[in-house]
C-alpha cells in the first residue's frame, strides 16, 4: 500500500480525541500489513512510548519513531534502532513529510 493510501486509511479510521487512540489505530493498521522481510514505521515523538515501541517490535515492525528524550524515563527508542543508517534516513524523510502539513 502506498504512503498516501496508508495516510488516508489512517484518517478514515482515526478516532479523534486522544494520543492513545491514535497509537492504537496505527498498531491496528500495522497488524494488517502483509508479511514481508522488512517493515518499518515512521512517526513523531508522540509515538515514543514503551507500549507502542514494544508492540511494533512484537508485530515484526521496526519503529522509526522520533526520540522524545524529555519524557520521564527517557526515550523508548534505543541503540538497536538508532545505530542504523535507515533510522537516520527515516528521520529526514519524516521531517520533510511533516513540513508539507505546516
N, C-alpha and C. Protein backbone atom coordinates (compact mmCIF):
# COMPACT_ATOMS: atom_id res chain seq x y z
N UNK A 1 0.86 -1.18 0.00
CA UNK A 1 0.00 0.00 0.00
C UNK A 1 0.91 1.24 0.00
N UNK A 2 0.60 2.20 -0.81
CA UNK A 2 1.40 3.42 -0.90
C UNK A 2 1.25 4.27 0.36
N UNK A 3 2.22 5.14 0.57
CA UNK A 3 2.21 6.01 1.76
C UNK A 3 0.92 6.82 1.83
N UNK A 4 0.50 7.39 0.71
CA UNK A 4 -0.73 8.18 0.71
C UNK A 4 -1.93 7.32 1.08
N UNK A 5 -1.95 6.09 0.59
CA UNK A 5 -3.04 5.18 0.92
C UNK A 5 -3.09 4.87 2.41
N UNK A 6 -1.92 4.65 3.01
CA UNK A 6 -1.87 4.41 4.45
C UNK A 6 -2.34 5.63 5.22
N UNK A 7 -1.93 6.81 4.78
CA UNK A 7 -2.32 8.04 5.46
C UNK A 7 -3.83 8.24 5.38
N UNK A 8 -4.41 8.03 4.19
CA UNK A 8 -5.86 8.19 4.03
C UNK A 8 -6.61 7.15 4.86
N UNK A 9 -6.10 5.93 4.90
CA UNK A 9 -6.72 4.89 5.71
C UNK A 9 -6.65 5.25 7.18
N UNK A 10 -5.54 5.83 7.59
CA UNK A 10 -5.38 6.25 8.98
C UNK A 10 -6.41 7.32 9.32
N UNK A 11 -6.56 8.32 8.47
CA UNK A 11 -7.52 9.38 8.73
C UNK A 11 -8.94 8.83 8.80
N UNK A 12 -9.24 7.87 7.94
CA UNK A 12 -10.57 7.28 7.92
C UNK A 12 -10.87 6.53 9.22
N UNK A 13 -9.87 5.85 9.77
CA UNK A 13 -10.07 5.03 10.96
C UNK A 13 -9.88 5.78 12.27
N UNK A 14 -9.15 6.86 12.22
CA UNK A 14 -8.73 7.54 13.44
C UNK A 14 -9.92 8.05 14.26
N UNK A 15 -9.86 7.80 15.53
CA UNK A 15 -10.88 8.28 16.46
C UNK A 15 -10.32 9.54 17.10
N UNK A 16 -10.87 10.68 16.73
CA UNK A 16 -10.35 11.94 17.25
C UNK A 16 -10.54 11.99 18.76
N UNK A 17 -9.53 12.40 19.46
CA UNK A 17 -9.69 12.54 20.90
C UNK A 17 -8.43 12.38 21.71
N UNK A 18 -7.73 11.28 21.54
CA UNK A 18 -6.59 11.09 22.43
C UNK A 18 -5.40 10.53 21.67
N UNK A 19 -4.20 10.87 22.15
CA UNK A 19 -2.99 10.30 21.53
C UNK A 19 -2.97 8.78 21.62
N UNK A 20 -3.54 8.22 22.70
CA UNK A 20 -3.56 6.76 22.83
C UNK A 20 -4.40 6.14 21.72
N UNK A 21 -5.52 6.75 21.38
CA UNK A 21 -6.37 6.24 20.29
C UNK A 21 -5.63 6.29 18.97
N UNK A 22 -4.84 7.32 18.77
CA UNK A 22 -4.05 7.46 17.54
C UNK A 22 -3.02 6.32 17.45
N UNK A 23 -2.33 6.05 18.55
CA UNK A 23 -1.33 4.97 18.56
C UNK A 23 -2.00 3.61 18.36
N UNK A 24 -3.15 3.39 19.00
CA UNK A 24 -3.86 2.12 18.85
C UNK A 24 -4.31 1.91 17.41
N UNK A 25 -4.78 2.96 16.77
CA UNK A 25 -5.20 2.87 15.37
C UNK A 25 -4.00 2.51 14.49
N UNK A 26 -2.86 3.13 14.76
CA UNK A 26 -1.65 2.82 13.99
C UNK A 26 -1.26 1.36 14.17
N UNK A 27 -1.32 0.85 15.39
CA UNK A 27 -0.97 -0.55 15.64
C UNK A 27 -1.94 -1.49 14.93
N UNK A 28 -3.22 -1.16 14.92
CA UNK A 28 -4.20 -1.98 14.19
C UNK A 28 -3.85 -2.05 12.71
N UNK A 29 -3.47 -0.92 12.14
CA UNK A 29 -3.12 -0.88 10.72
C UNK A 29 -1.84 -1.66 10.45
N UNK A 30 -0.86 -1.55 11.35
CA UNK A 30 0.40 -2.29 11.18
C UNK A 30 0.15 -3.80 11.23
N UNK A 31 -0.77 -4.22 12.08
CA UNK A 31 -1.09 -5.64 12.20
C UNK A 31 -1.69 -6.19 10.91
N UNK A 32 -2.30 -5.33 10.11
CA UNK A 32 -2.94 -5.76 8.86
C UNK A 32 -1.98 -5.81 7.68
N UNK A 33 -0.76 -5.31 7.84
CA UNK A 33 0.19 -5.31 6.73
C UNK A 33 0.56 -6.74 6.35
N UNK A 34 0.73 -6.99 5.06
CA UNK A 34 1.14 -8.34 4.66
C UNK A 34 2.56 -8.63 5.14
N UNK A 35 2.85 -9.91 5.29
CA UNK A 35 4.19 -10.31 5.71
C UNK A 35 5.20 -9.89 4.66
N UNK A 36 6.31 -9.37 5.12
CA UNK A 36 7.42 -9.03 4.24
C UNK A 36 8.69 -9.13 5.06
N UNK A 37 9.79 -9.12 4.38
CA UNK A 37 11.08 -9.28 5.06
C UNK A 37 11.37 -8.11 5.98
N UNK A 38 11.12 -6.89 5.51
CA UNK A 38 11.43 -5.70 6.29
C UNK A 38 10.20 -4.80 6.36
N UNK A 39 9.82 -4.42 7.58
CA UNK A 39 8.72 -3.48 7.77
C UNK A 39 9.18 -2.44 8.78
N UNK A 40 8.99 -1.18 8.43
CA UNK A 40 9.31 -0.08 9.34
C UNK A 40 8.12 0.87 9.39
N UNK A 41 8.04 1.63 10.47
CA UNK A 41 7.02 2.67 10.58
C UNK A 41 7.70 3.91 11.13
N UNK A 42 7.46 5.04 10.47
CA UNK A 42 7.99 6.31 10.93
C UNK A 42 6.90 7.09 11.64
N UNK A 43 7.28 7.77 12.72
CA UNK A 43 6.29 8.53 13.48
C UNK A 43 6.98 9.62 14.28
N UNK A 44 6.18 10.60 14.73
CA UNK A 44 6.74 11.69 15.52
C UNK A 44 6.93 11.24 16.97
N UNK A 45 7.45 12.13 17.79
CA UNK A 45 7.81 11.74 19.16
C UNK A 45 6.61 11.45 20.05
N UNK A 46 5.42 11.75 19.60
CA UNK A 46 4.23 11.37 20.35
C UNK A 46 4.03 9.86 20.39
N UNK A 47 4.69 9.15 19.49
CA UNK A 47 4.62 7.69 19.44
C UNK A 47 5.76 7.04 20.23
N UNK A 48 6.63 7.83 20.81
CA UNK A 48 7.77 7.31 21.56
C UNK A 48 7.33 6.91 22.97
N UNK A 49 6.57 5.83 23.03
CA UNK A 49 6.15 5.26 24.31
C UNK A 49 6.61 3.81 24.33
N UNK A 50 6.88 3.31 25.50
CA UNK A 50 7.33 1.92 25.61
C UNK A 50 6.29 0.96 25.02
N UNK A 51 5.02 1.21 25.29
CA UNK A 51 3.97 0.34 24.78
C UNK A 51 3.92 0.28 23.27
N UNK A 52 3.99 1.45 22.62
CA UNK A 52 3.93 1.48 21.16
C UNK A 52 5.15 0.81 20.55
N UNK A 53 6.32 1.15 21.05
CA UNK A 53 7.57 0.60 20.51
C UNK A 53 7.61 -0.92 20.69
N UNK A 54 7.26 -1.40 21.87
CA UNK A 54 7.26 -2.85 22.12
C UNK A 54 6.22 -3.56 21.26
N UNK A 55 5.06 -2.94 21.08
CA UNK A 55 4.01 -3.54 20.24
C UNK A 55 4.46 -3.63 18.79
N UNK A 56 5.12 -2.58 18.30
CA UNK A 56 5.65 -2.61 16.93
C UNK A 56 6.62 -3.76 16.77
N UNK A 57 7.55 -3.87 17.69
CA UNK A 57 8.54 -4.95 17.61
C UNK A 57 7.87 -6.31 17.68
N UNK A 58 6.82 -6.43 18.49
CA UNK A 58 6.07 -7.68 18.58
C UNK A 58 5.39 -8.06 17.27
N UNK A 59 5.05 -7.05 16.47
CA UNK A 59 4.43 -7.26 15.16
C UNK A 59 5.46 -7.48 14.05
N UNK A 60 6.74 -7.41 14.41
CA UNK A 60 7.79 -7.55 13.41
C UNK A 60 8.02 -6.28 12.62
N UNK A 61 7.66 -5.14 13.20
CA UNK A 61 7.83 -3.83 12.56
C UNK A 61 8.88 -3.04 13.34
N UNK A 62 9.87 -2.51 12.64
CA UNK A 62 10.88 -1.69 13.30
C UNK A 62 10.36 -0.27 13.43
N UNK A 63 10.25 0.24 14.65
CA UNK A 63 9.72 1.59 14.85
C UNK A 63 10.78 2.66 14.61
N UNK A 64 10.60 3.43 13.56
CA UNK A 64 11.47 4.58 13.29
C UNK A 64 10.76 5.82 13.83
N UNK A 65 10.69 5.89 15.15
CA UNK A 65 9.97 6.93 15.86
C UNK A 65 10.96 7.98 16.34
N UNK A 66 10.61 9.26 16.20
CA UNK A 66 11.47 10.33 16.70
C UNK A 66 11.60 10.19 18.22
N UNK A 67 12.82 10.32 18.70
CA UNK A 67 13.06 10.17 20.13
C UNK A 67 12.52 11.36 20.92
N UNK A 68 11.90 11.06 22.05
CA UNK A 68 11.43 12.07 22.99
C UNK A 68 12.25 11.92 24.26
N UNK A 69 13.42 12.53 24.25
CA UNK A 69 14.35 12.40 25.38
C UNK A 69 13.91 13.20 26.60
N UNK A 70 12.92 14.07 26.44
CA UNK A 70 12.42 14.87 27.57
C UNK A 70 11.35 14.12 28.35
N UNK A 71 10.92 12.99 27.85
CA UNK A 71 9.90 12.18 28.50
C UNK A 71 10.49 11.57 29.77
N UNK A 72 9.72 11.52 30.86
CA UNK A 72 10.21 10.85 32.07
C UNK A 72 10.61 9.41 31.76
N UNK A 73 11.81 9.04 32.13
CA UNK A 73 12.31 7.70 31.82
C UNK A 73 13.08 7.65 30.52
N UNK A 74 13.08 8.74 29.76
CA UNK A 74 13.81 8.80 28.50
C UNK A 74 13.05 8.16 27.35
N UNK A 75 13.72 8.10 26.23
CA UNK A 75 13.12 7.57 25.01
C UNK A 75 13.01 6.05 25.06
N UNK A 76 11.95 5.54 24.43
CA UNK A 76 11.77 4.10 24.29
C UNK A 76 12.58 3.58 23.10
N UNK A 77 13.06 4.48 22.26
CA UNK A 77 13.88 4.11 21.11
C UNK A 77 15.34 4.09 21.56
N UNK A 78 15.98 2.95 21.41
CA UNK A 78 17.35 2.81 21.88
C UNK A 78 18.30 2.52 20.73
N UNK A 79 19.51 2.17 21.06
CA UNK A 79 20.55 1.94 20.07
C UNK A 79 20.27 0.83 19.09
N UNK A 80 19.38 -0.11 19.44
CA UNK A 80 19.02 -1.17 18.48
C UNK A 80 18.47 -0.56 17.20
N UNK A 81 17.82 0.58 17.34
CA UNK A 81 17.20 1.24 16.18
C UNK A 81 18.06 2.40 15.68
N UNK A 82 18.50 3.26 16.58
CA UNK A 82 19.17 4.50 16.16
C UNK A 82 20.53 4.29 15.54
N UNK A 83 21.16 3.15 15.76
CA UNK A 83 22.51 2.93 15.21
C UNK A 83 22.50 2.67 13.71
N UNK A 84 21.35 2.39 13.16
CA UNK A 84 21.27 2.05 11.73
C UNK A 84 21.07 3.29 10.87
N UNK A 85 21.68 3.28 9.69
CA UNK A 85 21.55 4.41 8.77
C UNK A 85 20.12 4.57 8.30
N UNK A 86 19.36 3.49 8.25
CA UNK A 86 17.96 3.57 7.83
C UNK A 86 17.14 4.43 8.78
N UNK A 87 17.45 4.39 10.06
CA UNK A 87 16.74 5.21 11.04
C UNK A 87 17.00 6.69 10.75
N UNK A 88 18.25 7.04 10.53
CA UNK A 88 18.59 8.44 10.25
C UNK A 88 17.90 8.91 8.97
N UNK A 89 17.87 8.07 7.96
CA UNK A 89 17.19 8.43 6.70
C UNK A 89 15.70 8.62 6.95
N UNK A 90 15.09 7.75 7.74
CA UNK A 90 13.66 7.88 8.05
C UNK A 90 13.36 9.19 8.76
N UNK A 91 14.24 9.61 9.65
CA UNK A 91 14.02 10.87 10.39
C UNK A 91 14.05 12.06 9.43
N UNK A 92 14.92 12.03 8.45
CA UNK A 92 14.99 13.12 7.48
C UNK A 92 13.74 13.15 6.60
N UNK A 93 13.31 11.98 6.13
CA UNK A 93 12.12 11.91 5.28
C UNK A 93 10.88 12.30 6.06
N UNK A 94 10.76 11.82 7.30
CA UNK A 94 9.61 12.16 8.16
C UNK A 94 9.49 13.66 8.33
N UNK A 95 10.61 14.32 8.55
CA UNK A 95 10.59 15.78 8.73
C UNK A 95 10.10 16.47 7.46
N UNK A 96 10.54 16.02 6.31
CA UNK A 96 10.09 16.62 5.05
C UNK A 96 8.59 16.42 4.84
N UNK A 97 8.08 15.24 5.21
CA UNK A 97 6.64 14.98 5.06
C UNK A 97 5.85 15.89 5.98
N UNK A 98 6.29 16.05 7.22
CA UNK A 98 5.57 16.90 8.17
C UNK A 98 5.57 18.36 7.73
N UNK A 99 6.63 18.82 7.08
CA UNK A 99 6.69 20.20 6.62
C UNK A 99 5.55 20.50 5.63
N UNK A 100 5.11 19.48 4.90
CA UNK A 100 4.02 19.66 3.96
C UNK A 100 2.68 19.95 4.63
N UNK A 101 2.57 19.61 5.92
CA UNK A 101 1.34 19.84 6.64
C UNK A 101 1.36 21.13 7.45
N UNK A 102 2.46 21.86 7.35
CA UNK A 102 2.54 23.16 8.00
C UNK A 102 3.08 23.06 9.33
